[in-house]
Amino acid sequence: MNKKIFGNILIGFFAGFISGFFGAGGGLILVPYLTLILKEDEVISRATTILCIFFMVFTSSFFYFNKDSIDWYLALKCAIGGIIGGIIGSKLLVNLDKKILKISFIIFLIYAGIKMIL
């Protein structure tokens, strides 16, 4: 198997594991990998990551569903907000200056890291 293909599958595995185990974080693995290691465009990296996360979330949700671990009422409310936020976020992603995009992502990572520590 080609080393690059194996590396991409391995990083996908790691992102999927983190996403399934922590309930979030796959994008924090994939976006830096795609932009810094594979040198992909910022917008393409984020859009590709969103599609990858869709499959990770779908797969993890299946297992959580089978264990009856989902609060459906809460999930529905969050999904409504997530759909609206996803529409606005994706429209901003393709129109935002790449430097602003990079800086806002760094600020978000720092904020999330501090909140997790506290």
C-alpha atoms as a PDB file:
ATOM      1  CA  MET A   1       0.000   0.000   0.000  1.00  0.00           C
ATOM      2  CA  ASN A   2       1.230   3.483  -0.852  1.00  0.00           C
ATOM      3  CA  LYS A   3       2.798   5.224   2.201  1.00  0.00           C
ATOM      4  CA  LYS A   4       0.740   8.378   1.643  1.00  0.00           C
ATOM      5  CA  ILE A   5      -2.534   6.428   1.477  1.00  0.00           C
ATOM      6  CA  PHE A   6      -1.597   4.482   4.624  1.00  0.00           C
ATOM      7  CA  GLY A   7      -0.662   7.733   6.404  1.00  0.00           C
ATOM      8  CA  ASN A   8      -3.991   9.319   5.483  1.00  0.00           C
ATOM      9  CA  ILE A   9      -5.898   6.263   6.693  1.00  0.00           C
ATOM     10  CA  LEU A  10      -3.872   6.258   9.915  1.00  0.00           C
ATOM     11  CA  ILE A  11      -4.543   9.934  10.645  1.00  0.00           C
ATOM     12  CA  GLY A  12      -8.215   9.344   9.815  1.00  0.00           C
ATOM     13  CA  PHE A  13      -8.241   6.449  12.282  1.00  0.00           C
ATOM     14  CA  PHE A  14      -6.704   8.652  14.964  1.00  0.00           C
ATOM     15  CA  ALA A  15      -9.170  11.493  14.296  1.00  0.00           C
ATOM     16  CA  GLY A  16     -12.075   9.037  14.342  1.00  0.00           C
ATOM     17  CA  PHE A  17     -10.881   7.500  17.596  1.00  0.00           C
ATOM     18  CA  ILE A  18     -10.553  10.930  19.237  1.00  0.00           C
ATOM     19  CA  SER A  19     -13.970  11.958  17.925  1.00  0.00           C
ATOM     20  CA  GLY A  20     -15.658   8.764  19.082  1.00  0.00           C
ATOM     21  CA  PHE A  21     -13.907   8.645  22.445  1.00  0.00           C
ATOM     22  CA  PHE A  22     -14.198  12.311  23.434  1.00  0.00           C
ATOM     23  CA  GLY A  23     -17.294  13.194  21.423  1.00  0.00           C
ATOM     24  CA  ALA A  24     -15.321  15.905  19.591  1.00  0.00           C
ATOM     25  CA  GLY A  25     -11.865  16.684  18.359  1.00  0.00           C
ATOM     26  CA  GLY A  26     -11.581  14.960  14.989  1.00  0.00           C
ATOM     27  CA  GLY A  27     -11.372  18.332  13.274  1.00  0.00           C
ATOM     28  CA  LEU A  28      -8.619  19.432  15.624  1.00  0.00           C
ATOM     29  CA  ILE A  29      -6.557  16.541  14.272  1.00  0.00           C
ATOM     30  CA  LEU A  30      -7.541  16.691  10.601  1.00  0.00           C
ATOM     31  CA  VAL A  31      -7.376  20.443   9.864  1.00  0.00           C
ATOM     32  CA  PRO A  32      -3.754  20.868  11.013  1.00  0.00           C
ATOM     33  CA  TYR A  33      -2.815  17.606   9.271  1.00  0.00           C
ATOM     34  CA  LEU A  34      -4.340  18.669   5.974  1.00  0.00           C
ATOM     35  CA  THR A  35      -2.998  22.233   6.078  1.00  0.00           C
ATOM     36  CA  LEU A  36       0.434  21.725   7.644  1.00  0.00           C
ATOM     37  CA  ILE A  37       1.466  18.240   6.531  1.00  0.00           C
ATOM     38  CA  LEU A  38      -0.371  17.805   3.216  1.00  0.00           C
ATOM     39  CA  LYS A  39      -0.166  21.554   2.394  1.00  0.00           C
ATOM     40  CA  GLU A  40      -3.830  21.701   1.346  1.00  0.00           C
ATOM     41  CA  ASP A  41      -5.646  24.997   0.943  1.00  0.00           C
ATOM     42  CA  GLU A  42      -7.255  26.290   4.184  1.00  0.00           C
ATOM     43  CA  VAL A  43     -10.802  26.207   2.796  1.00  0.00           C
ATOM     44  CA  ILE A  44     -10.370  22.784   1.186  1.00  0.00           C
ATOM     45  CA  SER A  45      -8.889  21.433   4.441  1.00  0.00           C
ATOM     46  CA  ARG A  46     -11.821  22.599   6.524  1.00  0.00           C
ATOM     47  CA  ALA A  47     -14.467  21.521   4.015  1.00  0.00           C
ATOM     48  CA  THR A  48     -12.832  18.093   3.612  1.00  0.00           C
ATOM     49  CA  THR A  49     -12.637  17.748   7.393  1.00  0.00           C
ATOM     50  CA  ILE A  50     -16.359  18.479   7.740  1.00  0.00           C
ATOM     51  CA  LEU A  51     -17.162  15.646   5.339  1.00  0.00           C
ATOM     52  CA  CYS A  52     -14.801  13.284   7.187  1.00  0.00           C
ATOM     53  CA  ILE A  53     -16.383  14.246  10.509  1.00  0.00           C
ATOM     54  CA  PHE A  54     -19.815  13.447   9.092  1.00  0.00           C
ATOM     55  CA  PHE A  55     -18.770   9.817   8.624  1.00  0.00           C
ATOM     56  CA  MET A  56     -17.043   9.671  12.023  1.00  0.00           C
ATOM     57  CA  VAL A  57     -20.103  11.068  13.783  1.00  0.00           C
ATOM     58  CA  PHE A  58     -22.479   8.799  11.889  1.00  0.00           C
ATOM     59  CA  THR A  59     -20.453   5.734  12.852  1.00  0.00           C
ATOM     60  CA  SER A  60     -20.033   6.726  16.508  1.00  0.00           C
ATOM     61  CA  SER A  61     -23.722   7.645  16.778  1.00  0.00           C
ATOM     62  CA  PHE A  62     -24.692   4.180  15.605  1.00  0.00           C
ATOM     63  CA  PHE A  63     -22.830   2.606  18.533  1.00  0.00           C
ATOM     64  CA  TYR A  64     -24.161   5.143  21.047  1.00  0.00           C
ATOM     65  CA  PHE A  65     -27.673   4.535  19.684  1.00  0.00           C
ATOM     66  CA  ASN A  66     -27.297   0.784  20.245  1.00  0.00           C
ATOM     67  CA  LYS A  67     -26.278   1.436  23.863  1.00  0.00           C
ATOM     68  CA  ASP A  68     -29.319   3.726  24.346  1.00  0.00           C
ATOM     69  CA  SER A  69     -26.977   6.591  25.253  1.00  0.00           C
ATOM     70  CA  ILE A  70     -28.674   9.396  23.307  1.00  0.00           C
ATOM     71  CA  ASP A  71     -30.921  12.076  24.795  1.00  0.00           C
ATOM     72  CA  TRP A  72     -33.128  12.540  21.730  1.00  0.00           C
ATOM     73  CA  TYR A  73     -34.868  15.704  22.942  1.00  0.00           C
ATOM     74  CA  LEU A  74     -31.568  17.423  23.669  1.00  0.00           C
ATOM     75  CA  ALA A  75     -30.074  16.123  20.412  1.00  0.00           C
ATOM     76  CA  LEU A  76     -32.973  17.554  18.397  1.00  0.00           C
ATOM     77  CA  LYS A  77     -32.592  21.000  19.945  1.00  0.00           C
ATOM     78  CA  CYS A  78     -28.840  20.982  19.366  1.00  0.00           C
ATOM     79  CA  ALA A  79     -29.305  19.690  15.803  1.00  0.00           C
ATOM     80  CA  ILE A  80     -31.586  22.618  14.938  1.00  0.00           C
ATOM     81  CA  GLY A  81     -28.942  25.065  16.138  1.00  0.00           C
ATOM     82  CA  GLY A  82     -26.220  23.014  14.445  1.00  0.00           C
ATOM     83  CA  ILE A  83     -27.969  23.157  11.080  1.00  0.00           C
ATOM     84  CA  ILE A  84     -28.349  26.928  11.287  1.00  0.00           C
ATOM     85  CA  GLY A  85     -24.770  27.354  12.517  1.00  0.00           C
ATOM     86  CA  GLY A  86     -23.483  25.004   9.813  1.00  0.00           C
ATOM     87  CA  ILE A  87     -25.145  27.049   7.082  1.00  0.00           C
ATOM     88  CA  ILE A  88     -23.742  30.330   8.391  1.00  0.00           C
ATOM     89  CA  GLY A  89     -20.300  28.858   9.113  1.00  0.00           C
ATOM     90  CA  SER A  90     -19.920  27.254   5.695  1.00  0.00           C
ATOM     91  CA  LYS A  91     -20.944  30.476   3.939  1.00  0.00           C
ATOM     92  CA  LEU A  92     -18.362  32.389   5.976  1.00  0.00           C
ATOM     93  CA  LEU A  93     -15.680  29.758   5.342  1.00  0.00           C
ATOM     94  CA  VAL A  94     -15.690  30.165   1.572  1.00  0.00           C
ATOM     95  CA  ASN A  95     -15.805  33.985   1.731  1.00  0.00           C
ATOM     96  CA  LEU A  96     -13.419  34.765   4.592  1.00  0.00           C
ATOM     97  CA  ASP A  97      -9.826  35.851   4.054  1.00  0.00           C
ATOM     98  CA  LYS A  98      -7.512  32.886   4.710  1.00  0.00           C
ATOM     99  CA  LYS A  99      -5.374  34.827   7.173  1.00  0.00           C
ATOM    100  CA  ILE A 100      -8.436  35.708   9.268  1.00  0.00           C
ATOM    101  CA  LEU A 101      -9.545  32.084   9.034  1.00  0.00           C
ATOM    102  CA  LYS A 102      -6.185  30.855  10.323  1.00  0.00           C
ATOM    103  CA  ILE A 103      -6.056  33.400  13.165  1.00  0.00           C
ATOM    104  CA  SER A 104      -9.631  32.674  14.255  1.00  0.00           C
ATOM    105  CA  PHE A 105      -8.880  28.926  14.308  1.00  0.00           C
ATOM    106  CA  ILE A 106      -5.794  29.498  16.466  1.00  0.00           C
ATOM    107  CA  ILE A 107      -7.800  31.698  18.858  1.00  0.00           C
ATOM    108  CA  PHE A 108     -10.494  29.021  19.050  1.00  0.00           C
ATOM    109  CA  LEU A 109      -7.902  26.315  19.834  1.00  0.00           C
ATOM    110  CA  ILE A 110      -6.341  28.425  22.579  1.00  0.00           C
ATOM    111  CA  TYR A 111      -9.760  29.229  24.046  1.00  0.00           C
ATOM    112  CA  ALA A 112     -10.842  25.559  23.949  1.00  0.00           C
ATOM    113  CA  GLY A 113      -7.565  24.473  25.542  1.00  0.00           C
ATOM    114  CA  ILE A 114      -7.878  26.967  28.378  1.00  0.00           C
ATOM    115  CA  LYS A 115     -11.510  26.020  29.014  1.00  0.00           C
ATOM    116  CA  MET A 116     -10.576  22.342  29.178  1.00  0.00           C
ATOM    117  CA  ILE A 117      -7.807  23.037  31.699  1.00  0.00           C
ATOM    118  CA  LEU A 118     -10.099  25.127  33.893  1.00  0.00           C
END
